[in-house]
PDB file of N, CA and C in Angstrom:
ATOM      1  N   GLY A   1      11.008-227.461 247.841  1.00  0.00           N
ATOM      2  CA  GLY A   1      10.573-228.644 248.524  1.00  0.00           C
ATOM      3  C   GLY A   1      11.108-228.713 249.941  1.00  0.00           C
ATOM      4  N   GLU A   2      10.502-229.546 250.700  1.00  0.00           N
ATOM      5  CA  GLU A   2      10.860-229.723 252.105  1.00  0.00           C
ATOM      6  C   GLU A   2      12.025-230.697 252.242  1.00  0.00           C
ATOM      7  N   VAL A   3      12.933-230.405 253.162  1.00  0.00           N
ATOM      8  CA  VAL A   3      14.054-231.292 253.449  1.00  0.00           C
ATOM      9  C   VAL A   3      13.745-232.004 254.757  1.00  0.00           C
ATOM     10  N   TYR A   4      13.847-233.324 254.756  1.00  0.00           N
ATOM     11  CA  TYR A   4      13.554-234.117 255.945  1.00  0.00           C
ATOM     12  C   TYR A   4      14.694-234.041 256.951  1.00  0.00           C
ATOM     13  N   GLN A   5      14.374-234.220 258.232  1.00  0.00           N
ATOM     14  CA  GLN A   5      15.371-234.183 259.302  1.00  0.00           C
ATOM     15  C   GLN A   5      16.110-235.513 259.445  1.00  0.00           C
ATOM     16  N   LEU A   6      15.565-236.594 258.886  1.00  0.00           N
ATOM     17  CA  LEU A   6      16.215-237.903 258.904  1.00  0.00           C
ATOM     18  C   LEU A   6      16.660-238.241 257.493  1.00  0.00           C
ATOM     19  N   GLY A   7      17.819-238.892 257.385  1.00  0.00           N
ATOM     20  CA  GLY A   7      18.302-239.225 256.054  1.00  0.00           C
ATOM     21  C   GLY A   7      19.423-240.241 256.086  1.00  0.00           C
ATOM     22  N   THR A   8      20.100-240.355 254.965  1.00  0.00           N
ATOM     23  CA  THR A   8      21.184-241.317 254.805  1.00  0.00           C
ATOM     24  C   THR A   8      22.401-240.615 254.223  1.00  0.00           C
ATOM     25  N   VAL A   9      23.559-240.851 254.828  1.00  0.00           N
ATOM     26  CA  VAL A   9      24.816-240.402 254.233  1.00  0.00           C
ATOM     27  C   VAL A   9      25.149-241.425 253.154  1.00  0.00           C
ATOM     28  N   ALA A  10      25.473-240.949 251.957  1.00  0.00           N
ATOM     29  CA  ALA A  10      25.734-241.865 250.843  1.00  0.00           C
ATOM     30  C   ALA A  10      27.023-241.485 250.125  1.00  0.00           C
ATOM     31  N   LEU A  11      27.660-242.481 249.563  1.00  0.00           N
ATOM     32  CA  LEU A  11      28.865-242.307 248.758  1.00  0.00           C
ATOM     33  C   LEU A  11      28.468-242.433 247.292  1.00  0.00           C
ATOM     34  N   ILE A  12      28.798-241.428 246.484  1.00  0.00           N
ATOM     35  CA  ILE A  12      28.502-241.480 245.054  1.00  0.00           C
ATOM     36  C   ILE A  12      29.621-242.259 244.375  1.00  0.00           C
ATOM     37  N   HIS A  13      29.258-243.404 243.775  1.00  0.00           N
ATOM     38  CA  HIS A  13      30.243-244.236 243.082  1.00  0.00           C
ATOM     39  C   HIS A  13      30.378-243.844 241.617  1.00  0.00           C
ATOM     40  N   ARG A  14      29.260-243.476 241.005  1.00  0.00           N
ATOM     41  CA  ARG A  14      29.308-243.194 239.574  1.00  0.00           C
ATOM     42  C   ARG A  14      28.171-242.260 239.185  1.00  0.00           C
ATOM     43  N   LEU A  15      28.464-241.345 238.267  1.00  0.00           N
ATOM     44  CA  LEU A  15      27.486-240.421 237.713  1.00  0.00           C
ATOM     45  C   LEU A  15      27.521-240.590 236.201  1.00  0.00           C
ATOM     46  N   ILE A  16      26.383-240.937 235.615  1.00  0.00           N
ATOM     47  CA  ILE A  16      26.314-241.199 234.178  1.00  0.00           C
ATOM     48  C   ILE A  16      25.357-240.190 233.550  1.00  0.00           C
ATOM     49  N   LYS A  17      25.883-239.336 232.652  1.00  0.00           N
ATOM     50  CA  LYS A  17      25.061-238.357 231.951  1.00  0.00           C
ATOM     51  C   LYS A  17      24.650-238.929 230.607  1.00  0.00           C
ATOM     52  N   SER A  18      23.352-238.888 230.329  1.00  0.00           N
ATOM     53  CA  SER A  18      22.823-239.385 229.058  1.00  0.00           C
ATOM     54  C   SER A  18      22.727-238.243 228.054  1.00  0.00           C
ATOM     55  N   PRO A  19      22.765-238.563 226.753  1.00  0.00           N
ATOM     56  CA  PRO A  19      22.646-237.525 225.723  1.00  0.00           C
ATOM     57  C   PRO A  19      21.334-236.743 225.807  1.00  0.00           C
ATOM     58  N   ASP A  20      20.281-237.364 226.376  1.00  0.00           N
ATOM     59  CA  ASP A  20      18.988-236.673 226.468  1.00  0.00           C
ATOM     60  C   ASP A  20      18.915-235.723 227.665  1.00  0.00           C
ATOM     61  N   GLY A  21      20.032-235.571 228.421  1.00  0.00           N
ATOM     62  CA  GLY A  21      20.069-234.634 229.534  1.00  0.00           C
ATOM     63  C   GLY A  21      19.762-235.243 230.893  1.00  0.00           C
ATOM     64  N   THR A  22      19.330-236.502 230.918  1.00  0.00           N
ATOM     65  CA  THR A  22      19.065-237.153 232.198  1.00  0.00           C
ATOM     66  C   THR A  22      20.366-237.691 232.788  1.00  0.00           C
ATOM     67  N   MET A  23      20.328-237.999 234.084  1.00  0.00           N
ATOM     68  CA  MET A  23      21.500-238.550 234.764  1.00  0.00           C
ATOM     69  C   MET A  23      21.106-239.777 235.560  1.00  0.00           C
ATOM     70  N   ARG A  24      22.033-240.703 235.666  1.00  0.00           N
ATOM     71  CA  ARG A  24      21.887-241.873 236.538  1.00  0.00           C
ATOM     72  C   ARG A  24      23.034-241.813 237.533  1.00  0.00           C
ATOM     73  N   ILE A  25      22.707-242.053 238.795  1.00  0.00           N
ATOM     74  CA  ILE A  25      23.721-241.992 239.842  1.00  0.00           C
ATOM     75  C   ILE A  25      23.721-243.313 240.594  1.00  0.00           C
ATOM     76  N   ILE A  26      24.901-243.902 240.761  1.00  0.00           N
ATOM     77  CA  ILE A  26      25.045-245.129 241.544  1.00  0.00           C
ATOM     78  C   ILE A  26      25.626-244.723 242.893  1.00  0.00           C
ATOM     79  N   VAL A  27      24.849-244.983 243.969  1.00  0.00           N
ATOM     80  CA  VAL A  27      25.267-244.584 245.311  1.00  0.00           C
ATOM     81  C   VAL A  27      25.260-245.777 246.258  1.00  0.00           C
ATOM     82  N   GLN A  28      26.001-245.631 247.350  1.00  0.00           N
ATOM     83  CA  GLN A  28      26.024-246.636 248.410  1.00  0.00           C
ATOM     84  C   GLN A  28      25.652-245.932 249.706  1.00  0.00           C
ATOM     85  N   GLY A  29      24.564-246.389 250.354  1.00  0.00           N
ATOM     86  CA  GLY A  29      24.174-245.834 251.639  1.00  0.00           C
ATOM     87  C   GLY A  29      25.169-246.260 252.703  1.00  0.00           C
ATOM     88  N   LEU A  30      25.646-245.303 253.511  1.00  0.00           N
ATOM     89  CA  LEU A  30      26.663-245.601 254.509  1.00  0.00           C
ATOM     90  C   LEU A  30      26.107-245.648 255.930  1.00  0.00           C
ATOM     91  N   GLU A  31      25.282-244.645 256.294  1.00  0.00           N
ATOM     92  CA  GLU A  31      24.723-244.634 257.643  1.00  0.00           C
ATOM     93  C   GLU A  31      23.504-243.727 257.712  1.00  0.00           C
ATOM     94  N   ARG A  32      22.652-243.999 258.698  1.00  0.00           N
ATOM     95  CA  ARG A  32      21.457-243.194 258.930  1.00  0.00           C
ATOM     96  C   ARG A  32      21.851-242.000 259.795  1.00  0.00           C
ATOM     97  N   ILE A  33      21.250-240.836 259.512  1.00  0.00           N
ATOM     98  CA  ILE A  33      21.594-239.632 260.264  1.00  0.00           C
ATOM     99  C   ILE A  33      20.345-238.818 260.606  1.00  0.00           C
ATOM    100  N   HIS A  34      20.499-237.931 261.587  1.00  0.00           N
ATOM    101  CA  HIS A  34      19.489-236.932 261.938  1.00  0.00           C
ATOM    102  C   HIS A  34      20.143-235.568 261.769  1.00  0.00           C
ATOM    103  N   ILE A  35      19.444-234.638 261.147  1.00  0.00           N
ATOM    104  CA  ILE A  35      19.964-233.281 260.997  1.00  0.00           C
ATOM    105  C   ILE A  35      19.643-232.526 262.282  1.00  0.00           C
ATOM    106  N   ASP A  36      20.692-232.103 262.995  1.00  0.00           N
ATOM    107  CA  ASP A  36      20.521-231.387 264.258  1.00  0.00           C
ATOM    108  C   ASP A  36      20.370-229.884 264.054  1.00  0.00           C
ATOM    109  N   GLU A  37      21.132-229.337 263.107  1.00  0.00           N
ATOM    110  CA  GLU A  37      21.124-227.891 262.904  1.00  0.00           C
ATOM    111  C   GLU A  37      21.656-227.562 261.516  1.00  0.00           C
ATOM    112  N   TRP A  38      20.937-226.692 260.799  1.00  0.00           N
ATOM    113  CA  TRP A  38      21.430-226.214 259.507  1.00  0.00           C
ATOM    114  C   TRP A  38      22.479-225.143 259.769  1.00  0.00           C
ATOM    115  N   THR A  39      23.626-225.241 259.103  1.00  0.00           N
ATOM    116  CA  THR A  39      24.710-224.280 259.323  1.00  0.00           C
ATOM    117  C   THR A  39      24.965-223.386 258.111  1.00  0.00           C
ATOM    118  N   ALA A  40      24.473-223.760 256.936  1.00  0.00           N
ATOM    119  CA  ALA A  40      24.652-222.933 255.733  1.00  0.00           C
ATOM    120  C   ALA A  40      23.617-223.326 254.687  1.00  0.00           C
ATOM    121  N   GLU A  41      23.283-222.350 253.832  1.00  0.00           N
ATOM    122  CA  GLU A  41      22.387-222.609 252.699  1.00  0.00           C
ATOM    123  C   GLU A  41      23.082-222.361 251.367  1.00  0.00           C
ATOM    124  N   GLU A  42      24.092-221.520 251.360  1.00  0.00           N
ATOM    125  CA  GLU A  42      24.815-221.180 250.134  1.00  0.00           C
ATOM    126  C   GLU A  42      26.293-221.474 250.322  1.00  0.00           C
ATOM    127  N   PRO A  43      27.017-221.947 249.380  1.00  0.00           N
ATOM    128  CA  PRO A  43      26.580-222.291 248.023  1.00  0.00           C
ATOM    129  C   PRO A  43      25.820-223.619 247.960  1.00  0.00           C
ATOM    130  N   TYR A  44      25.709-224.331 249.102  1.00  0.00           N
ATOM    131  CA  TYR A  44      24.938-225.575 249.172  1.00  0.00           C
ATOM    132  C   TYR A  44      24.490-225.769 250.614  1.00  0.00           C
ATOM    133  N   LEU A  45      23.503-226.645 250.818  1.00  0.00           N
ATOM    134  CA  LEU A  45      23.030-226.932 252.171  1.00  0.00           C
ATOM    135  C   LEU A  45      24.117-227.638 252.973  1.00  0.00           C
ATOM    136  N   LYS A  46      24.275-227.233 254.233  1.00  0.00           N
ATOM    137  CA  LYS A  46      25.272-227.827 255.117  1.00  0.00           C
ATOM    138  C   LYS A  46      24.655-227.902 256.508  1.00  0.00           C
ATOM    139  N   ALA A  47      24.932-229.011 257.244  1.00  0.00           N
ATOM    140  CA  ALA A  47      24.297-229.189 258.548  1.00  0.00           C
ATOM    141  C   ALA A  47      25.189-229.936 259.517  1.00  0.00           C
ATOM    142  N   LYS A  48      24.915-229.744 260.812  1.00  0.00           N
ATOM    143  CA  LYS A  48      25.496-230.590 261.853  1.00  0.00           C
ATOM    144  C   LYS A  48      24.571-231.788 261.981  1.00  0.00           C
ATOM    145  N   ILE A  49      25.153-232.986 262.080  1.00  0.00           N
ATOM    146  CA  ILE A  49      24.340-234.201 262.103  1.00  0.00           C
ATOM    147  C   ILE A  49      24.708-235.096 263.279  1.00  0.00           C
ATOM    148  N   SER A  50      23.798-236.024 263.589  1.00  0.00           N
ATOM    149  CA  SER A  50      24.054-237.093 264.555  1.00  0.00           C
ATOM    150  C   SER A  50      23.837-238.413 263.839  1.00  0.00           C
ATOM    151  N   LYS A  51      24.729-239.366 264.080  1.00  0.00           N
ATOM    152  CA  LYS A  51      24.552-240.701 263.509  1.00  0.00           C
ATOM    153  C   LYS A  51      23.461-241.429 264.282  1.00  0.00           C
ATOM    154  N   LEU A  52      22.667-242.221 263.574  1.00  0.00           N
ATOM    155  CA  LEU A  52      21.613-243.018 264.195  1.00  0.00           C
ATOM    156  C   LEU A  52      21.983-244.494 264.121  1.00  0.00           C
ATOM    157  N   PRO A  53      21.561-245.280 265.114  1.00  0.00           N
ATOM    158  CA  PRO A  53      21.859-246.718 265.060  1.00  0.00           C
ATOM    159  C   PRO A  53      21.091-247.385 263.920  1.00  0.00           C
ATOM    160  N   ASP A  54      21.682-248.427 263.354  1.00  0.00           N
ATOM    161  CA  ASP A  54      20.987-249.201 262.330  1.00  0.00           C
ATOM    162  C   ASP A  54      19.817-249.922 262.966  1.00  0.00           C
ATOM    163  N   LYS A  55      18.701-249.970 262.257  1.00  0.00           N
ATOM    164  CA  LYS A  55      17.547-250.726 262.736  1.00  0.00           C
ATOM    165  C   LYS A  55      17.642-252.130 262.172  1.00  0.00           C
ATOM    166  N   LEU A  56      17.585-253.108 263.032  1.00  0.00           N
ATOM    167  CA  LEU A  56      17.576-254.496 262.581  1.00  0.00           C
ATOM    168  C   LEU A  56      16.141-254.911 262.319  1.00  0.00           C
ATOM    169  N   PRO A  57      15.901-255.719 261.282  1.00  0.00           N
ATOM    170  CA  PRO A  57      14.531-256.167 261.018  1.00  0.00           C
ATOM    171  C   PRO A  57      14.033-257.039 262.162  1.00  0.00           C
ATOM    172  N   GLU A  58      12.710-256.927 262.417  1.00  0.00           N
ATOM    173  CA  GLU A  58      12.118-257.787 263.437  1.00  0.00           C
ATOM    174  C   GLU A  58      12.250-259.232 262.992  1.00  0.00           C
ATOM    175  N   GLU A  59      12.326-260.125 263.936  1.00  0.00           N
ATOM    176  CA  GLU A  59      12.507-261.543 263.624  1.00  0.00           C
ATOM    177  C   GLU A  59      11.406-262.008 262.677  1.00  0.00           C
ATOM    178  N   GLY A  60      11.800-262.647 261.594  1.00  0.00           N
ATOM    179  CA  GLY A  60      10.837-263.138 260.611  1.00  0.00           C
ATOM    180  C   GLY A  60      10.570-262.152 259.487  1.00  0.00           C
ATOM    181  N   ASN A  61      10.978-260.885 259.648  1.00  0.00           N
ATOM    182  CA  ASN A  61      10.785-259.874 258.607  1.00  0.00           C
ATOM    183  C   ASN A  61      12.130-259.526 257.989  1.00  0.00           C
ATOM    184  N   VAL A  62      12.187-259.595 256.668  1.00  0.00           N
ATOM    185  CA  VAL A  62      13.431-259.260 255.982  1.00  0.00           C
ATOM    186  C   VAL A  62      13.133-258.232 254.915  1.00  0.00           C
TER     187      VAL A  62
END
């Protein structure tokens, strides 16, 4: 699959494994980022990133 250049840095609070093999993950989004350059693919994807400013909702939109 394709990896997007924009994303969110997240903190994993909890990982719950079910007996049927599925998993539930509780995460907290910390900040928006842009991937500037991929630096590694193995043993996992690694990149240089830039933080993006938070977007505030337009007045009247929540």
